N, C-alpha and C. Protein backbone atom coordinates (compact mmCIF):
# COMPACT_ATOMS: atom_id res chain seq x y z
N MET A 1 -10.12 -16.11 12.99
CA MET A 1 -9.53 -16.41 11.71
C MET A 1 -10.18 -15.49 10.66
N ILE A 2 -9.37 -15.05 9.70
CA ILE A 2 -9.85 -14.17 8.64
C ILE A 2 -9.98 -14.96 7.36
N ASP A 3 -11.13 -14.90 6.73
CA ASP A 3 -11.36 -15.54 5.44
C ASP A 3 -10.86 -14.58 4.37
N LEU A 4 -9.68 -14.86 3.78
CA LEU A 4 -9.08 -13.97 2.79
C LEU A 4 -10.01 -13.70 1.61
N HIS A 5 -10.67 -14.72 1.12
CA HIS A 5 -11.52 -14.54 -0.06
C HIS A 5 -12.72 -13.66 0.25
N ALA A 6 -13.34 -13.83 1.40
CA ALA A 6 -14.49 -13.00 1.76
C ALA A 6 -14.05 -11.56 1.99
N ALA A 7 -12.92 -11.35 2.65
CA ALA A 7 -12.43 -10.00 2.92
C ALA A 7 -12.11 -9.27 1.63
N GLN A 8 -11.52 -9.95 0.66
CA GLN A 8 -11.17 -9.32 -0.60
C GLN A 8 -12.39 -8.84 -1.37
N ARG A 9 -13.52 -9.49 -1.19
CA ARG A 9 -14.73 -9.11 -1.92
C ARG A 9 -15.39 -7.86 -1.35
N THR A 10 -14.99 -7.43 -0.17
CA THR A 10 -15.70 -6.33 0.48
C THR A 10 -14.81 -5.11 0.70
N LEU A 11 -13.92 -4.83 -0.22
CA LEU A 11 -13.07 -3.64 -0.13
C LEU A 11 -13.90 -2.40 -0.47
N SER A 12 -13.57 -1.29 0.18
CA SER A 12 -14.26 -0.01 -0.06
C SER A 12 -13.34 0.92 -0.86
N PRO A 13 -13.88 1.58 -1.89
CA PRO A 13 -13.05 2.49 -2.69
C PRO A 13 -12.51 3.64 -1.84
N LEU A 14 -11.28 4.03 -2.11
CA LEU A 14 -10.66 5.19 -1.49
C LEU A 14 -10.87 6.40 -2.40
N PRO A 15 -10.74 7.61 -1.87
CA PRO A 15 -10.82 8.80 -2.74
C PRO A 15 -9.74 8.72 -3.82
N PRO A 16 -9.93 9.41 -4.94
CA PRO A 16 -8.92 9.38 -6.00
C PRO A 16 -7.54 9.77 -5.46
N LEU A 17 -6.51 8.99 -5.85
CA LEU A 17 -5.16 9.28 -5.37
C LEU A 17 -4.71 10.67 -5.81
N SER A 18 -5.19 11.11 -6.98
CA SER A 18 -4.81 12.43 -7.48
C SER A 18 -5.36 13.55 -6.60
N GLU A 19 -6.33 13.23 -5.75
CA GLU A 19 -6.93 14.23 -4.86
C GLU A 19 -6.59 13.99 -3.40
N THR A 20 -5.68 13.04 -3.13
CA THR A 20 -5.33 12.66 -1.77
C THR A 20 -4.01 13.31 -1.36
N ALA A 21 -4.04 14.01 -0.22
CA ALA A 21 -2.83 14.67 0.28
C ALA A 21 -1.71 13.64 0.44
N GLY A 22 -0.50 14.02 0.03
CA GLY A 22 0.65 13.15 0.17
C GLY A 22 0.87 12.20 -0.99
N TYR A 23 -0.01 12.23 -1.98
CA TYR A 23 0.10 11.37 -3.16
C TYR A 23 0.25 12.23 -4.41
N ARG A 24 1.07 11.75 -5.34
CA ARG A 24 1.23 12.42 -6.63
C ARG A 24 1.19 11.36 -7.71
N VAL A 25 0.14 11.36 -8.51
CA VAL A 25 0.02 10.38 -9.60
C VAL A 25 1.02 10.75 -10.69
N VAL A 26 1.81 9.76 -11.13
CA VAL A 26 2.82 10.01 -12.16
C VAL A 26 2.54 9.24 -13.46
N ARG A 27 1.58 8.30 -13.42
CA ARG A 27 1.20 7.57 -14.64
C ARG A 27 -0.19 7.00 -14.47
N GLY A 28 -1.01 7.20 -15.48
CA GLY A 28 -2.34 6.60 -15.50
C GLY A 28 -3.29 7.21 -14.49
N ASP A 29 -4.28 6.41 -14.10
CA ASP A 29 -5.30 6.82 -13.15
C ASP A 29 -5.55 5.68 -12.16
N PRO A 30 -4.53 5.36 -11.32
CA PRO A 30 -4.70 4.23 -10.40
C PRO A 30 -5.83 4.49 -9.41
N LYS A 31 -6.61 3.46 -9.16
CA LYS A 31 -7.72 3.53 -8.21
C LYS A 31 -7.49 2.49 -7.13
N ALA A 32 -7.61 2.92 -5.87
CA ALA A 32 -7.32 2.04 -4.74
C ALA A 32 -8.58 1.79 -3.91
N SER A 33 -8.60 0.62 -3.28
CA SER A 33 -9.68 0.22 -2.36
C SER A 33 -9.03 -0.41 -1.14
N ILE A 34 -9.77 -0.41 -0.02
CA ILE A 34 -9.20 -0.93 1.23
C ILE A 34 -10.27 -1.56 2.10
N ARG A 35 -9.83 -2.43 2.97
CA ARG A 35 -10.67 -2.98 4.05
C ARG A 35 -9.76 -3.19 5.24
N PHE A 36 -10.16 -2.64 6.39
CA PHE A 36 -9.40 -2.84 7.62
C PHE A 36 -10.01 -4.00 8.39
N GLU A 37 -9.16 -4.94 8.81
CA GLU A 37 -9.60 -6.04 9.66
C GLU A 37 -9.52 -5.64 11.12
N PHE A 38 -8.53 -4.83 11.46
CA PHE A 38 -8.51 -4.15 12.76
C PHE A 38 -7.76 -2.85 12.58
N GLY A 39 -8.04 -1.92 13.50
CA GLY A 39 -7.52 -0.58 13.34
C GLY A 39 -8.30 0.11 12.23
N ALA A 40 -7.91 1.31 11.90
CA ALA A 40 -8.54 2.09 10.84
C ALA A 40 -7.57 3.19 10.47
N ALA A 41 -7.91 3.94 9.44
CA ALA A 41 -7.06 5.08 9.06
C ALA A 41 -6.85 5.93 10.30
N GLY A 42 -5.62 6.27 10.60
CA GLY A 42 -5.31 7.07 11.78
C GLY A 42 -4.96 6.25 13.01
N SER A 43 -5.21 4.94 12.99
CA SER A 43 -4.86 4.08 14.12
C SER A 43 -3.36 3.80 14.11
N MET A 44 -2.80 3.55 15.29
CA MET A 44 -1.38 3.24 15.42
C MET A 44 -1.04 1.87 14.83
N LEU A 45 -1.91 0.90 14.99
CA LEU A 45 -1.76 -0.44 14.42
C LEU A 45 -2.96 -0.71 13.52
N ARG A 46 -2.69 -1.26 12.36
CA ARG A 46 -3.80 -1.62 11.48
C ARG A 46 -3.40 -2.77 10.58
N MET A 47 -4.38 -3.55 10.22
CA MET A 47 -4.18 -4.70 9.35
C MET A 47 -5.36 -4.76 8.41
N GLY A 48 -5.09 -5.11 7.15
CA GLY A 48 -6.20 -5.20 6.23
C GLY A 48 -5.77 -5.62 4.84
N PHE A 49 -6.63 -5.31 3.90
CA PHE A 49 -6.44 -5.65 2.50
C PHE A 49 -6.50 -4.39 1.67
N TRP A 50 -5.68 -4.33 0.63
CA TRP A 50 -5.62 -3.16 -0.25
C TRP A 50 -5.53 -3.64 -1.67
N ASN A 51 -6.19 -2.93 -2.55
CA ASN A 51 -6.22 -3.24 -3.98
C ASN A 51 -5.91 -1.96 -4.74
N CYS A 52 -5.18 -2.07 -5.87
CA CYS A 52 -4.95 -0.89 -6.70
C CYS A 52 -4.86 -1.33 -8.16
N THR A 53 -5.48 -0.52 -9.03
CA THR A 53 -5.44 -0.77 -10.46
C THR A 53 -4.12 -0.23 -11.03
N GLU A 54 -3.87 -0.52 -12.29
CA GLU A 54 -2.62 -0.11 -12.95
C GLU A 54 -2.44 1.40 -12.95
N GLY A 55 -1.17 1.80 -12.86
CA GLY A 55 -0.79 3.21 -12.84
C GLY A 55 0.37 3.37 -11.88
N ALA A 56 0.83 4.60 -11.70
CA ALA A 56 1.96 4.84 -10.80
C ALA A 56 1.71 6.10 -10.00
N PHE A 57 2.16 6.08 -8.74
CA PHE A 57 2.02 7.24 -7.88
C PHE A 57 3.17 7.29 -6.89
N GLU A 58 3.51 8.50 -6.49
CA GLU A 58 4.55 8.72 -5.47
C GLU A 58 3.84 9.06 -4.17
N CYS A 59 4.40 8.55 -3.06
CA CYS A 59 3.83 8.88 -1.76
C CYS A 59 4.90 8.75 -0.68
N THR A 60 4.59 9.32 0.47
CA THR A 60 5.42 9.14 1.65
C THR A 60 4.73 8.09 2.50
N GLU A 61 5.45 7.02 2.82
CA GLU A 61 4.86 5.92 3.59
C GLU A 61 4.42 6.42 4.97
N SER A 62 3.19 6.13 5.33
CA SER A 62 2.62 6.63 6.58
C SER A 62 2.99 5.80 7.80
N GLY A 63 3.54 4.62 7.59
CA GLY A 63 3.92 3.76 8.71
C GLY A 63 4.88 2.68 8.26
N ASP A 64 5.42 1.94 9.22
CA ASP A 64 6.22 0.75 8.92
C ASP A 64 5.22 -0.33 8.51
N GLU A 65 5.42 -0.91 7.34
CA GLU A 65 4.39 -1.82 6.83
C GLU A 65 4.99 -3.09 6.24
N LEU A 66 4.51 -4.21 6.75
CA LEU A 66 4.81 -5.53 6.19
C LEU A 66 3.63 -5.87 5.29
N GLN A 67 3.92 -6.27 4.06
CA GLN A 67 2.85 -6.53 3.10
C GLN A 67 3.17 -7.75 2.25
N THR A 68 2.12 -8.46 1.87
CA THR A 68 2.26 -9.63 1.00
C THR A 68 1.29 -9.48 -0.15
N LEU A 69 1.82 -9.60 -1.37
CA LEU A 69 0.97 -9.52 -2.55
C LEU A 69 0.21 -10.82 -2.73
N LEU A 70 -1.09 -10.70 -2.89
CA LEU A 70 -1.95 -11.86 -3.14
C LEU A 70 -2.21 -12.03 -4.63
N LYS A 71 -2.06 -10.91 -5.38
CA LYS A 71 -2.36 -10.90 -6.81
C LYS A 71 -1.59 -9.76 -7.46
N GLY A 72 -1.16 -9.95 -8.70
CA GLY A 72 -0.61 -8.87 -9.49
C GLY A 72 0.90 -8.71 -9.44
N ARG A 73 1.37 -7.59 -10.04
CA ARG A 73 2.79 -7.27 -10.11
C ARG A 73 2.97 -5.76 -9.94
N LEU A 74 4.07 -5.38 -9.27
CA LEU A 74 4.37 -3.96 -9.09
C LEU A 74 5.85 -3.75 -8.94
N ARG A 75 6.23 -2.49 -9.09
CA ARG A 75 7.59 -2.05 -8.80
C ARG A 75 7.50 -0.99 -7.72
N VAL A 76 8.37 -1.07 -6.74
CA VAL A 76 8.50 -0.02 -5.74
C VAL A 76 9.85 0.64 -6.01
N ILE A 77 9.80 1.94 -6.28
CA ILE A 77 11.00 2.68 -6.66
C ILE A 77 11.34 3.65 -5.52
N GLU A 78 12.52 3.46 -4.94
CA GLU A 78 12.97 4.30 -3.83
C GLU A 78 13.43 5.66 -4.36
N SER A 79 13.60 6.62 -3.45
CA SER A 79 14.00 7.98 -3.83
C SER A 79 15.37 8.02 -4.49
N ASP A 80 16.22 7.00 -4.27
CA ASP A 80 17.54 6.96 -4.93
C ASP A 80 17.47 6.17 -6.25
N ASP A 81 16.26 5.90 -6.73
CA ASP A 81 15.98 5.19 -7.99
C ASP A 81 16.24 3.69 -7.93
N THR A 82 16.46 3.12 -6.73
CA THR A 82 16.55 1.67 -6.59
C THR A 82 15.16 1.09 -6.86
N VAL A 83 15.10 0.08 -7.73
CA VAL A 83 13.82 -0.53 -8.11
C VAL A 83 13.72 -1.93 -7.53
N HIS A 84 12.59 -2.21 -6.90
CA HIS A 84 12.29 -3.55 -6.37
C HIS A 84 11.05 -4.04 -7.10
N GLU A 85 11.10 -5.24 -7.65
CA GLU A 85 9.96 -5.81 -8.36
C GLU A 85 9.35 -6.93 -7.53
N TYR A 86 8.02 -6.91 -7.44
CA TYR A 86 7.29 -7.90 -6.65
C TYR A 86 6.12 -8.45 -7.46
N GLN A 87 5.78 -9.70 -7.14
CA GLN A 87 4.62 -10.34 -7.76
C GLN A 87 3.87 -11.14 -6.71
N ALA A 88 2.71 -11.67 -7.08
CA ALA A 88 1.89 -12.43 -6.15
C ALA A 88 2.74 -13.46 -5.42
N GLY A 89 2.60 -13.50 -4.09
CA GLY A 89 3.35 -14.42 -3.25
C GLY A 89 4.53 -13.78 -2.56
N ASP A 90 4.98 -12.62 -3.06
CA ASP A 90 6.12 -11.93 -2.46
C ASP A 90 5.69 -11.09 -1.26
N SER A 91 6.58 -11.02 -0.27
CA SER A 91 6.38 -10.15 0.89
C SER A 91 7.50 -9.12 0.91
N PHE A 92 7.18 -7.93 1.39
CA PHE A 92 8.19 -6.88 1.49
C PHE A 92 7.79 -5.90 2.58
N PHE A 93 8.74 -5.02 2.91
CA PHE A 93 8.58 -4.10 4.03
C PHE A 93 8.91 -2.68 3.57
N THR A 94 8.08 -1.73 3.93
CA THR A 94 8.39 -0.31 3.69
C THR A 94 8.41 0.39 5.04
N ARG A 95 9.25 1.44 5.12
CA ARG A 95 9.44 2.15 6.39
C ARG A 95 8.71 3.48 6.40
N GLN A 96 8.19 3.80 7.55
CA GLN A 96 7.52 5.08 7.76
C GLN A 96 8.45 6.23 7.33
N GLY A 97 7.90 7.15 6.56
CA GLY A 97 8.66 8.32 6.13
C GLY A 97 9.38 8.15 4.80
N GLU A 98 9.51 6.91 4.31
CA GLU A 98 10.14 6.70 3.00
C GLU A 98 9.29 7.34 1.91
N VAL A 99 9.94 7.99 0.96
CA VAL A 99 9.24 8.49 -0.22
C VAL A 99 9.50 7.49 -1.33
N VAL A 100 8.44 6.86 -1.82
CA VAL A 100 8.57 5.83 -2.85
C VAL A 100 7.55 6.06 -3.96
N THR A 101 7.86 5.48 -5.11
CA THR A 101 6.90 5.45 -6.21
C THR A 101 6.40 4.02 -6.35
N TRP A 102 5.09 3.87 -6.31
CA TRP A 102 4.45 2.58 -6.53
C TRP A 102 4.05 2.54 -8.01
N ASP A 103 4.66 1.64 -8.76
CA ASP A 103 4.34 1.46 -10.17
C ASP A 103 3.58 0.15 -10.31
N ILE A 104 2.27 0.25 -10.40
CA ILE A 104 1.41 -0.94 -10.47
C ILE A 104 1.40 -1.41 -11.93
N VAL A 105 2.09 -2.50 -12.20
CA VAL A 105 2.22 -3.04 -13.55
C VAL A 105 0.99 -3.84 -13.93
N GLU A 106 0.47 -4.58 -12.95
CA GLU A 106 -0.72 -5.42 -13.13
C GLU A 106 -1.51 -5.30 -11.84
N GLU A 107 -2.81 -5.04 -11.93
CA GLU A 107 -3.63 -4.80 -10.74
C GLU A 107 -3.20 -5.68 -9.56
N VAL A 108 -3.02 -5.05 -8.40
CA VAL A 108 -2.54 -5.77 -7.23
C VAL A 108 -3.59 -5.84 -6.13
N GLU A 109 -3.48 -6.90 -5.35
CA GLU A 109 -4.19 -7.04 -4.08
C GLU A 109 -3.14 -7.46 -3.07
N LYS A 110 -3.19 -6.86 -1.90
CA LYS A 110 -2.22 -7.22 -0.87
C LYS A 110 -2.90 -7.26 0.48
N VAL A 111 -2.27 -7.98 1.39
CA VAL A 111 -2.63 -7.94 2.79
C VAL A 111 -1.50 -7.19 3.48
N PHE A 112 -1.84 -6.35 4.46
CA PHE A 112 -0.81 -5.53 5.09
C PHE A 112 -1.00 -5.46 6.60
N PHE A 113 0.12 -5.22 7.28
CA PHE A 113 0.13 -4.93 8.71
C PHE A 113 0.99 -3.68 8.88
N THR A 114 0.42 -2.63 9.46
CA THR A 114 1.10 -1.34 9.57
C THR A 114 1.21 -0.91 11.02
N TYR A 115 2.38 -0.40 11.37
CA TYR A 115 2.62 0.22 12.67
C TYR A 115 3.01 1.67 12.42
N ILE A 116 2.28 2.59 13.02
CA ILE A 116 2.57 4.02 12.92
C ILE A 116 3.37 4.42 14.15
N ARG A 117 4.63 4.77 13.91
CA ARG A 117 5.47 5.22 15.03
C ARG A 117 5.10 6.65 15.38
N GLY A 118 5.12 6.96 16.66
CA GLY A 118 4.83 8.31 17.10
C GLY A 118 6.09 9.04 17.49
N GLY A 119 5.98 10.33 17.67
CA GLY A 119 7.09 11.14 18.16
C GLY A 119 8.31 11.07 17.27
N ASP A 120 9.48 11.05 17.92
CA ASP A 120 10.76 11.06 17.20
C ASP A 120 11.36 9.68 17.08
N ASP A 121 10.59 8.62 17.29
CA ASP A 121 11.10 7.25 17.23
C ASP A 121 11.38 6.88 15.79
N ASN A 122 12.63 6.82 15.40
CA ASN A 122 13.00 6.46 14.04
C ASN A 122 13.68 5.10 14.00
N ALA A 123 13.46 4.28 14.98
CA ALA A 123 14.11 2.96 15.03
C ALA A 123 13.54 2.03 13.99
């Protein structure tokens, strides 16, 4: 069993998004932190907690990801300008390869489960 409150207290800062390949900051200076409960960056399957301060950035999703917001509010803007708004308690799914803009309206914390598809599997 995972203690959500204990896990949230032990997130590790990530490098600045403005200096991270595949990310383009479009508003503010968002800062992200992460903790993996299993898997790690580069693993095919991973689960953990992620936090980000206010700001907006564009990125290409690295995997199929189911996520639930534990705190905060954000907008996910698809490449066709479709906007989805989420707040604490909401769950949503992003697909590997999608280019989206994350607009963090109020600092967010989320729990996530990610599957990285290999090869040409686009299912």
